[in-house]
Protein backbone atom coordinates (compact mmCIF):
# COMPACT_ATOMS: atom_id res chain seq x y z
CA MET A 1 74.75 54.15 -21.43
CA ALA A 2 75.83 54.14 -25.22
CA ARG A 3 75.27 50.70 -26.81
CA LEU A 4 77.71 48.38 -28.28
CA PRO A 5 77.65 47.84 -31.86
CA SER A 6 75.99 44.83 -33.49
CA VAL A 7 77.87 41.70 -34.45
CA ASP A 8 76.35 42.35 -38.13
CA ARG A 9 77.80 45.63 -38.30
CA LEU A 10 81.18 44.45 -37.07
CA LEU A 11 81.27 41.70 -39.47
CA LYS A 12 80.72 44.30 -42.36
CA ALA A 13 83.99 46.29 -41.20
CA ASP A 14 87.09 46.24 -43.61
CA ALA A 15 88.97 45.02 -40.83
CA ILE A 16 87.21 41.62 -40.70
CA ALA A 17 88.23 40.46 -43.84
CA PRO A 18 91.71 39.31 -42.88
CA LEU A 19 90.22 37.61 -39.78
CA ILE A 20 87.72 35.60 -41.98
CA ASP A 21 90.28 34.67 -44.25
CA THR A 22 92.57 33.22 -41.64
CA PHE A 23 89.96 31.69 -39.15
CA GLY A 24 86.83 31.27 -41.06
CA ARG A 25 83.73 33.05 -40.66
CA VAL A 26 82.15 30.82 -37.97
CA GLU A 27 85.06 31.20 -35.52
CA THR A 28 85.18 34.70 -36.32
CA THR A 29 81.63 35.32 -35.66
CA ALA A 30 81.96 33.52 -32.35
CA ALA A 31 84.83 35.69 -31.21
CA ILE A 32 82.90 38.79 -31.72
CA ARG A 33 79.90 37.63 -29.93
CA ASN A 34 82.04 36.56 -27.07
CA THR A 35 83.88 39.52 -27.11
CA LEU A 36 80.76 41.68 -27.33
CA ALA A 37 79.47 39.78 -24.03
CA GLY A 38 82.55 40.30 -21.90
CA ILE A 39 82.49 43.93 -22.74
CA ARG A 40 78.69 44.31 -21.95
CA LYS A 41 79.45 42.48 -18.62
CA ASP A 42 82.36 45.02 -17.83
CA MET A 43 80.49 48.02 -18.66
CA ALA A 44 77.47 46.80 -16.49
CA ALA A 45 79.60 46.66 -13.56
CA SER A 46 81.83 49.90 -14.21
CA GLY A 47 79.58 52.23 -16.09
CA ASP A 48 82.19 52.87 -18.72
CA GLU A 49 81.53 53.78 -22.30
CA PRO A 50 81.86 51.09 -24.92
CA PRO A 51 85.16 50.88 -26.97
CA THR A 52 85.52 51.79 -30.48
CA ASP A 53 84.55 49.18 -32.95
CA THR A 54 88.17 48.93 -34.10
CA ALA A 55 89.19 48.21 -30.40
CA ILE A 56 86.36 45.54 -30.03
CA LEU A 57 87.82 43.74 -33.55
CA GLU A 58 91.30 43.80 -31.97
CA ALA A 59 90.07 42.33 -28.82
CA ALA A 60 88.53 39.53 -30.62
CA SER A 61 91.55 39.15 -32.98
CA GLU A 62 93.61 38.40 -30.00
CA ALA A 63 91.21 35.69 -28.76
CA LEU A 64 91.39 34.13 -32.20
CA THR A 65 94.61 34.12 -32.22
CA GLN A 66 94.98 32.57 -28.47
CA ASN A 67 92.32 29.86 -29.34
CA ALA A 68 94.33 28.78 -32.46
CA ALA A 69 97.32 28.48 -30.68
CA PRO A 70 98.34 24.75 -30.27
CA SER A 71 98.30 23.35 -26.78
CA LEU A 72 101.40 21.21 -27.28
CA ARG A 73 104.14 23.58 -27.50
CA PRO A 74 108.05 23.30 -27.46
CA VAL A 75 109.66 24.11 -24.36
CA PHE A 76 113.50 24.52 -23.11
CA ASN A 77 113.84 21.71 -20.92
CA LEU A 78 116.50 22.84 -18.43
CA THR A 79 115.32 21.02 -15.16
CA GLY A 80 118.77 18.75 -15.25
CA THR A 81 116.50 15.46 -16.23
CA VAL A 82 117.36 14.64 -19.88
CA LEU A 83 114.36 11.85 -20.22
CA HIS A 84 111.56 14.11 -18.33
CA THR A 85 108.22 12.34 -18.48
CA ASN A 86 106.27 15.72 -18.34
CA LEU A 87 108.23 17.26 -21.12
CA GLY A 88 108.02 14.67 -23.80
CA ARG A 89 111.00 12.29 -22.71
CA ALA A 90 112.98 11.60 -25.89
CA SER A 91 113.92 14.29 -28.77
CA LEU A 92 113.54 12.55 -32.09
CA PRO A 93 116.88 12.29 -34.24
CA GLU A 94 116.29 14.38 -37.37
CA GLU A 95 116.10 11.11 -39.58
CA ALA A 96 113.09 9.94 -37.48
CA ILE A 97 111.31 13.40 -37.87
CA ASP A 98 111.47 13.34 -41.72
CA ALA A 99 110.22 9.73 -41.54
CA VAL A 100 107.26 10.76 -39.64
CA ALA A 101 106.64 13.63 -42.13
CA ALA A 102 106.71 11.39 -45.26
CA ALA A 103 104.65 8.81 -43.77
CA ALA A 104 102.04 11.59 -42.64
CA ARG A 105 102.03 12.99 -45.96
CA GLY A 106 99.90 10.35 -47.92
CA ALA A 107 99.28 6.56 -48.34
CA SER A 108 101.85 3.94 -47.50
CA ASN A 109 102.61 0.29 -47.72
CA LEU A 110 101.79 0.06 -43.84
CA GLU A 111 100.25 -3.49 -43.96
CA TYR A 112 100.65 -4.13 -47.79
CA ARG A 113 103.33 -6.18 -49.30
CA ILE A 114 104.00 -4.12 -52.93
CA GLY A 115 106.08 -6.98 -54.16
CA GLU A 116 103.17 -9.69 -53.76
CA GLY A 117 100.26 -6.93 -54.14
CA LYS A 118 98.97 -8.55 -50.93
CA ARG A 119 98.09 -7.37 -47.15
CA GLY A 120 100.78 -7.47 -44.79
CA ASP A 121 101.72 -6.93 -41.29
CA ARG A 122 102.80 -3.53 -39.98
CA ASP A 123 105.45 -5.16 -37.46
CA GLU A 124 107.28 -6.13 -40.77
CA HIS A 125 108.69 -2.85 -40.76
CA ILE A 126 110.58 -3.10 -37.69
CA GLU A 127 110.82 -6.68 -36.69
CA ASP A 128 113.99 -7.53 -38.75
CA GLN A 129 115.72 -4.48 -37.26
CA LEU A 130 114.93 -5.62 -33.87
CA CYS A 131 115.80 -9.23 -34.26
CA ALA A 132 119.26 -8.34 -35.58
CA MET A 133 120.04 -6.10 -32.71
CA THR A 134 118.80 -8.25 -29.98
CA GLY A 135 119.62 -11.71 -31.06
CA ALA A 136 115.74 -12.48 -30.76
CA GLU A 137 113.66 -14.71 -33.07
CA ALA A 138 110.78 -12.27 -33.49
CA ALA A 139 109.30 -9.11 -32.65
CA THR A 140 106.41 -6.80 -32.30
CA ILE A 141 105.29 -3.21 -30.81
CA VAL A 142 102.65 -1.59 -29.16
CA ASN A 143 102.13 1.94 -27.99
CA ASN A 144 104.21 2.17 -24.79
CA ASN A 145 105.80 -0.14 -22.76
CA ALA A 146 103.06 -0.36 -19.91
CA ALA A 147 100.91 -2.04 -22.88
CA ALA A 148 103.52 -4.22 -23.74
CA VAL A 149 103.71 -5.59 -20.15
CA MET A 150 100.12 -5.98 -19.93
CA LEU A 151 99.69 -7.76 -23.58
CA VAL A 152 102.23 -10.20 -22.52
CA LEU A 153 100.60 -10.88 -19.08
CA ASN A 154 97.31 -11.29 -20.59
CA THR A 155 98.66 -13.56 -23.15
CA PHE A 156 100.18 -16.14 -21.21
CA ALA A 157 98.70 -15.62 -17.66
CA LEU A 158 94.89 -14.91 -18.16
CA GLY A 159 93.18 -16.53 -15.23
CA LYS A 160 96.30 -18.11 -14.17
CA GLU A 161 99.17 -16.90 -11.62
CA VAL A 162 102.28 -15.08 -11.82
CA PRO A 163 105.09 -15.41 -9.46
CA THR A 164 107.11 -12.19 -8.75
CA SER A 165 109.54 -11.16 -6.56
CA ARG A 166 108.50 -8.94 -3.75
CA GLY A 167 111.30 -6.65 -4.51
CA GLU A 168 110.21 -6.08 -7.89
CA LEU A 169 106.49 -4.86 -7.43
CA ILE A 170 107.38 -1.47 -8.69
CA GLU A 171 105.65 1.81 -9.32
CA ILE A 172 106.66 4.27 -12.03
CA GLY A 173 104.16 6.94 -11.53
CA GLY A 174 101.03 7.79 -13.70
CA SER A 175 99.13 4.84 -11.82
CA PHE A 176 101.50 2.21 -13.17
CA ARG A 177 101.79 -0.49 -10.46
CA MET A 178 102.91 -3.73 -11.30
CA PRO A 179 100.36 -5.55 -9.15
CA ASP A 180 97.64 -3.46 -10.70
CA ILE A 181 98.57 -3.91 -14.26
CA MET A 182 98.60 -7.99 -13.42
CA ALA A 183 95.08 -7.51 -11.89
CA GLN A 184 93.96 -5.74 -15.06
CA SER A 185 95.39 -8.05 -17.12
CA GLY A 186 93.42 -10.88 -15.73
CA CYS A 187 96.31 -12.75 -13.56
CA THR A 188 96.88 -13.46 -10.14
CA LEU A 189 99.95 -11.97 -8.76
CA VAL A 190 101.94 -14.53 -6.37
CA GLU A 191 104.55 -12.67 -4.40
CA VAL A 192 107.67 -14.59 -3.48
CA GLY A 193 110.48 -13.88 -1.29
CA THR A 194 110.91 -10.66 0.82
CA THR A 195 111.55 -6.83 -0.46
CA ASN A 196 115.34 -7.70 -0.11
CA ARG A 197 116.03 -11.30 -1.05
CA THR A 198 114.51 -13.76 -3.08
CA HIS A 199 116.02 -17.09 -3.93
CA LEU A 200 115.10 -19.74 -6.45
CA LYS A 201 113.60 -22.03 -4.03
CA ASP A 202 110.83 -19.36 -3.51
CA PHE A 203 109.94 -19.39 -7.11
CA ALA A 204 110.23 -23.28 -7.50
CA GLY A 205 107.61 -23.28 -4.61
CA ALA A 206 105.32 -21.09 -6.06
CA ILE A 207 104.82 -22.91 -9.37
CA GLY A 208 101.67 -25.11 -9.46
CA PRO A 209 99.22 -26.04 -11.98
CA ASP A 210 97.79 -22.62 -12.27
CA THR A 211 101.17 -20.78 -13.10
CA GLY A 212 100.97 -19.19 -16.40
CA MET A 213 104.36 -17.43 -16.49
CA ILE A 214 107.25 -16.03 -14.48
CA MET A 215 107.78 -12.43 -14.75
CA LYS A 216 111.23 -10.57 -13.72
CA VAL A 217 110.89 -6.93 -13.49
CA HIS A 218 113.91 -4.42 -13.57
CA THR A 219 113.64 -2.27 -11.06
CA SER A 220 114.96 0.57 -12.89
CA ASN A 221 113.65 3.49 -10.71
CA TYR A 222 115.06 2.56 -7.15
CA VAL A 223 117.83 0.33 -5.83
CA VAL A 224 117.86 -1.65 -3.06
CA GLU A 225 121.43 -2.07 -0.80
CA GLY A 226 122.76 -3.99 1.90
CA PHE A 227 121.57 -7.62 2.61
CA THR A 228 120.32 -8.36 -0.60
CA ALA A 229 119.76 -11.60 -3.13
CA GLU A 230 118.20 -12.02 -6.32
CA VAL A 231 117.59 -15.17 -8.46
CA PRO A 232 120.37 -15.02 -11.68
CA GLU A 233 118.17 -14.85 -14.98
CA PRO A 234 119.35 -17.91 -16.38
CA GLU A 235 118.42 -19.97 -13.29
CA LEU A 236 114.71 -18.28 -13.66
CA ALA A 237 114.70 -19.29 -17.19
CA LYS A 238 115.83 -22.82 -16.87
CA LEU A 239 113.04 -23.26 -13.84
CA CYS A 240 110.68 -21.88 -16.36
CA HIS A 241 111.70 -24.22 -19.22
CA ASP A 242 111.88 -27.14 -17.04
CA ASN A 243 108.20 -26.44 -15.97
CA ASN A 244 106.92 -25.58 -19.85
CA ILE A 245 106.16 -22.02 -18.72
CA PRO A 246 107.20 -18.81 -20.62
CA PHE A 247 110.02 -16.57 -18.63
CA ALA A 248 109.79 -12.90 -19.15
CA ILE A 249 111.75 -9.75 -18.36
CA ASP A 250 110.36 -6.39 -18.25
CA LEU A 251 113.70 -3.95 -18.84
CA GLY A 252 111.83 -0.90 -18.54
CA SER A 253 113.68 1.89 -19.90
CA GLY A 254 115.75 -0.48 -21.96
CA THR A 255 118.88 0.30 -23.87
CA LEU A 256 120.66 -0.95 -27.14
CA THR A 257 123.95 0.18 -26.44
CA ASP A 258 126.79 0.18 -23.54
CA LEU A 259 126.17 3.07 -21.47
CA ALA A 260 129.56 2.84 -19.71
CA GLN A 261 130.84 4.53 -22.52
CA PHE A 262 129.15 7.62 -21.03
CA GLY A 263 130.60 7.09 -17.75
CA LEU A 264 127.51 5.59 -16.45
CA PRO A 265 126.68 2.24 -14.97
CA HIS A 266 125.82 -0.50 -16.72
CA GLU A 267 122.01 -0.98 -17.53
CA PRO A 268 120.86 -4.45 -18.51
CA THR A 269 119.90 -5.01 -22.35
CA PRO A 270 117.60 -7.18 -24.37
CA MET A 271 120.83 -8.88 -26.27
CA GLU A 272 121.64 -9.93 -22.40
CA ALA A 273 118.38 -11.05 -21.53
CA MET A 274 118.07 -13.11 -24.54
CA LYS A 275 121.41 -14.74 -23.99
CA HIS A 276 120.15 -15.60 -20.38
CA GLY A 277 117.41 -17.70 -21.46
CA ALA A 278 114.29 -15.15 -21.48
CA ASP A 279 111.43 -16.08 -23.80
CA VAL A 280 109.68 -12.54 -23.73
CA ILE A 281 111.39 -9.13 -22.98
CA THR A 282 109.84 -6.00 -22.97
CA PHE A 283 111.19 -2.42 -22.92
CA SER A 284 110.65 1.42 -24.07
CA GLY A 285 110.89 3.04 -27.26
CA ASP A 286 111.03 6.71 -26.06
CA LYS A 287 113.83 6.20 -23.26
CA LEU A 288 117.42 5.28 -23.22
CA LEU A 289 116.71 4.01 -27.05
CA GLY A 290 115.87 7.69 -28.00
CA GLY A 291 112.86 7.02 -30.25
CA PRO A 292 109.09 7.47 -30.20
CA GLN A 293 106.76 6.15 -27.52
CA ALA A 294 106.22 2.52 -28.19
CA GLY A 295 106.55 -0.85 -26.09
CA ILE A 296 108.83 -3.15 -27.73
CA ILE A 297 108.46 -6.81 -27.24
CA VAL A 298 111.10 -9.24 -28.48
CA GLY A 299 111.25 -12.99 -27.91
CA THR A 300 111.34 -16.50 -29.32
CA LYS A 301 109.16 -17.01 -32.55
CA ASP A 302 106.33 -19.23 -30.82
CA TYR A 303 105.61 -16.85 -28.03
CA ILE A 304 105.61 -13.97 -30.25
CA ALA A 305 103.36 -15.16 -32.31
CA GLN A 306 100.95 -16.11 -29.80
CA ILE A 307 101.42 -12.53 -28.38
CA LYS A 308 100.54 -11.16 -32.11
CA LYS A 309 97.10 -13.17 -31.90
CA ASN A 310 95.81 -11.62 -28.85
CA PRO A 311 93.04 -9.42 -29.72
CA MET A 312 94.36 -6.94 -27.39
CA LYS A 313 97.19 -6.39 -29.97
CA ARG A 314 95.19 -4.53 -32.21
CA ALA A 315 93.85 -2.06 -29.53
CA LEU A 316 97.42 -1.58 -28.45
CA ARG A 317 99.10 -1.25 -32.04
CA CYS A 318 101.33 1.69 -33.04
CA ASP A 319 100.26 4.06 -36.10
CA LYS A 320 102.15 4.24 -39.22
CA MET A 321 104.29 7.47 -38.06
CA THR A 322 105.21 5.73 -34.75
CA ILE A 323 106.59 2.80 -36.72
CA ALA A 324 108.31 5.08 -39.26
CA ALA A 325 110.08 6.87 -36.42
CA LEU A 326 111.17 4.04 -34.66
CA SER A 327 112.39 2.30 -37.60
CA ALA A 328 114.86 5.37 -38.67
CA VAL A 329 115.92 5.37 -35.22
CA LEU A 330 116.71 1.73 -35.33
CA ARG A 331 118.74 2.59 -38.46
CA LEU A 332 120.92 4.81 -36.81
CA TYR A 333 122.01 2.03 -34.21
CA ALA A 334 123.69 0.25 -37.37
CA ASP A 335 126.31 3.04 -37.37
CA PRO A 336 127.72 2.97 -33.88
CA ASP A 337 130.34 5.17 -34.78
CA ARG A 338 128.00 8.13 -35.15
CA LEU A 339 125.38 7.09 -32.91
CA VAL A 340 125.98 9.61 -30.15
CA GLU A 341 125.96 12.41 -32.59
CA ARG A 342 122.81 11.46 -34.43
CA VAL A 343 120.66 10.26 -31.42
CA PRO A 344 119.73 13.31 -29.04
CA THR A 345 119.38 11.51 -26.24
CA LEU A 346 122.53 9.90 -26.55
CA ARG A 347 124.15 13.05 -27.26
CA LEU A 348 122.99 14.82 -24.28
CA LEU A 349 123.78 12.27 -22.14
CA ALA A 350 127.61 11.92 -23.43
CA ARG A 351 127.56 15.71 -23.60
CA ARG A 352 130.77 16.56 -21.68
CA VAL A 353 131.04 19.00 -18.42
CA ASP A 354 133.38 21.26 -20.04
CA ALA A 355 131.34 21.78 -23.04
CA ILE A 356 128.22 22.74 -20.86
CA ARG A 357 130.19 25.12 -18.98
CA GLY A 358 130.89 26.78 -22.58
CA VAL A 359 127.18 27.36 -22.92
CA ALA A 360 127.03 28.75 -19.46
CA GLU A 361 129.84 31.45 -20.09
CA ARG A 362 128.10 32.31 -23.75
CA ILE A 363 124.58 32.92 -22.39
CA GLY A 364 125.36 34.31 -18.79
CA PRO A 365 125.78 37.90 -20.00
CA ALA A 366 122.39 38.04 -21.96
CA LEU A 367 120.68 36.33 -19.04
CA ALA A 368 122.18 38.56 -16.50
CA ALA A 369 121.06 41.62 -18.66
CA ALA A 370 117.44 40.35 -18.66
CA VAL A 371 117.33 39.84 -14.77
CA ASP A 372 119.33 43.12 -13.89
CA GLY A 373 117.38 44.94 -11.30
CA PHE A 374 115.69 41.76 -9.93
CA GLY A 375 118.42 39.35 -9.47
CA SER A 376 122.02 38.17 -10.14
CA VAL A 377 123.41 35.48 -12.23
CA THR A 378 126.32 33.24 -11.11
CA ASP A 379 127.59 29.93 -12.33
CA THR A 380 126.78 26.80 -10.63
CA ALA A 381 127.67 23.20 -10.49
CA CYS A 382 124.75 20.93 -11.15
CA GLU A 383 123.85 17.44 -11.39
CA SER A 384 121.62 15.89 -14.03
CA GLN A 385 119.81 12.81 -13.91
CA ILE A 386 118.61 10.58 -16.89
CA GLY A 387 114.99 10.41 -15.78
CA SER A 388 111.95 8.02 -16.76
CA GLY A 389 113.12 5.52 -13.81
CA ALA A 390 116.87 4.93 -15.52
CA LEU A 391 119.76 4.77 -13.22
CA PRO A 392 117.84 6.65 -10.44
CA THR A 393 121.08 6.72 -8.06
CA ARG A 394 123.44 7.97 -10.72
CA ARG A 395 123.79 11.57 -11.25
CA ILE A 396 125.39 12.96 -14.25
CA PRO A 397 127.80 16.26 -13.36
CA SER A 398 126.85 19.15 -15.24
CA ALA A 399 126.82 22.98 -15.26
CA GLY A 400 124.15 25.74 -15.44
CA LEU A 401 123.21 29.30 -14.32
CA ALA A 402 121.58 29.92 -10.77
CA ILE A 403 119.62 33.38 -10.70
CA SER A 404 119.10 34.65 -7.11
CA PRO A 405 116.37 37.32 -6.63
CA ASN A 406 117.72 40.53 -4.86
CA ALA A 407 114.32 39.82 -2.72
CA LYS A 408 115.02 36.72 -0.71
CA SER A 409 111.41 35.23 -0.75
CA GLY A 410 109.60 32.43 -2.13
CA THR A 411 107.20 34.80 -3.75
CA ALA A 412 110.12 36.13 -5.87
CA LEU A 413 111.42 32.78 -6.74
CA LYS A 414 108.03 31.52 -7.73
CA ALA A 415 107.49 35.01 -9.78
CA LEU A 416 111.08 34.04 -11.49
CA ALA A 417 109.73 30.66 -12.56
CA GLU A 418 106.53 32.24 -13.71
CA ALA A 419 108.28 34.82 -16.01
CA PHE A 420 110.58 32.24 -17.65
CA ARG A 421 107.35 29.86 -18.24
CA ALA A 422 105.75 32.88 -20.03
CA LEU A 423 108.42 33.29 -22.64
CA PRO A 424 107.32 32.71 -26.24
CA VAL A 425 109.18 29.43 -25.94
CA PRO A 426 108.74 28.61 -22.35
CA VAL A 427 111.85 27.90 -19.96
CA ILE A 428 111.37 25.17 -17.39
CA GLY A 429 114.08 25.19 -14.73
CA ARG A 430 113.81 24.26 -11.38
CA ILE A 431 114.20 25.98 -7.68
CA GLN A 432 116.83 24.94 -5.48
CA ASP A 433 118.83 26.60 -2.58
CA ASP A 434 117.10 29.71 -2.78
CA ALA A 435 117.48 30.22 -6.56
CA PHE A 436 116.18 29.47 -9.82
CA ILE A 437 118.50 26.76 -11.61
CA LEU A 438 119.07 26.32 -15.26
CA ASP A 439 120.79 23.08 -16.04
CA LEU A 440 122.33 23.63 -19.43
CA ARG A 441 122.98 19.98 -20.42
CA CYS A 442 119.82 19.91 -22.71
CA LEU A 443 120.32 23.36 -24.13
CA GLU A 444 121.68 23.08 -27.69
CA ASP A 445 119.88 26.13 -29.42
CA GLU A 446 121.49 28.87 -27.54
CA ASP A 447 120.33 31.72 -30.07
CA SER A 448 117.17 30.86 -29.85
CA PHE A 449 117.09 31.01 -26.13
CA THR A 450 118.93 34.14 -25.81
CA ALA A 451 117.02 35.87 -28.44
CA GLN A 452 113.79 35.79 -26.36
CA LEU A 453 115.24 36.98 -23.08
CA PRO A 454 114.28 40.69 -23.68
CA ALA A 455 110.73 39.43 -23.29
CA LEU A 456 110.94 38.35 -19.85
CA ASP A 457 108.76 40.43 -17.84
CA LEU A 458 109.89 40.71 -14.24
CA PRO A 459 108.74 42.87 -11.42
CA ARG A 460 111.68 45.31 -10.69
């Protein structure tokens, strides 16, 4: 059997210079070694002759390119879920993207007051904006809403009890269960009421010398209907204040605008919670608000000050890029007349069905050509959902395209979904009713989508 070339010989080849310039000598040398090891193993099994030096270098170059490709990649979200947790939730407005880039390029006054020449507080960049919008006296942010809830609980109820309605002991996925969060925060959960009915007397009876706070949790990812009862927030606030304990509300997704303008049911807002007497309110920045991942905490000045003094706050704080992005998004809310067109999440939620049908009409022919011989494409009515636990029972009328394989089998559908995920910009749809469905509510870049369809590799 002929011998393979040495690593040293391959490193002296003329074709290696561009690889070293691009990837560096250390990575290039490692790629060559790994490639030779793989070829050597294959030759031992097959008895084939070794490939040429050129073929070996081409294989090493391909491996280097694959290894250098970022793991985090853009995809086309055609699942019908606008705020898809697995696909990154909210897309940022251009203004926020520009703000992130500017903050990332160099030094900034993250915790520095330029006018005074003294150290500042990073919350200062967003606090006034949040207070102006919500009516709160003070505000702070952490890296997500689960962290916000944990920080609030740990601040006011470490080693103490937290009465909470049984109907609000939510699980939102990803191991976030309210009872577990309370336990990890150092609190003792006191369940009150029943799954479907909780009354003020239930909370009143649970308050004692060991009570740290009362927390109300917005059940954003499910609805209990029928014979139900819950305590109005103003009554809970009065009960807490009469007993000198804080009243906290976790809104989950949270929204700073009226969703009724999009034909959706009302979702509680931080502004309403403040008016109802809440002392502390937590909600997400990367869901209905349409910003970066963040947990936003607003409330009274004294309680927010206590939260900021908690040592956990430093461990959960946001970096300069998150703060820059969130501040940029909040500035957009100061101009409500143009809010929908400038915040992608709201723009996608507000998108009219006839406009989405227009997308289907325009891209349908290219899609049909790409799957010709494998299946057929038809228009289909869809029902989108907001996602991330917001308005779980309400679907949004949408439109899309259904691809039905000629071979009526689960194998064919699986191959179809895999082929779309293998495109340069992966396309993520859903399998439903023996077809591969592409809900087009979130497709705005039609040209990029259709341009890559010739690369679709399907068995014919």
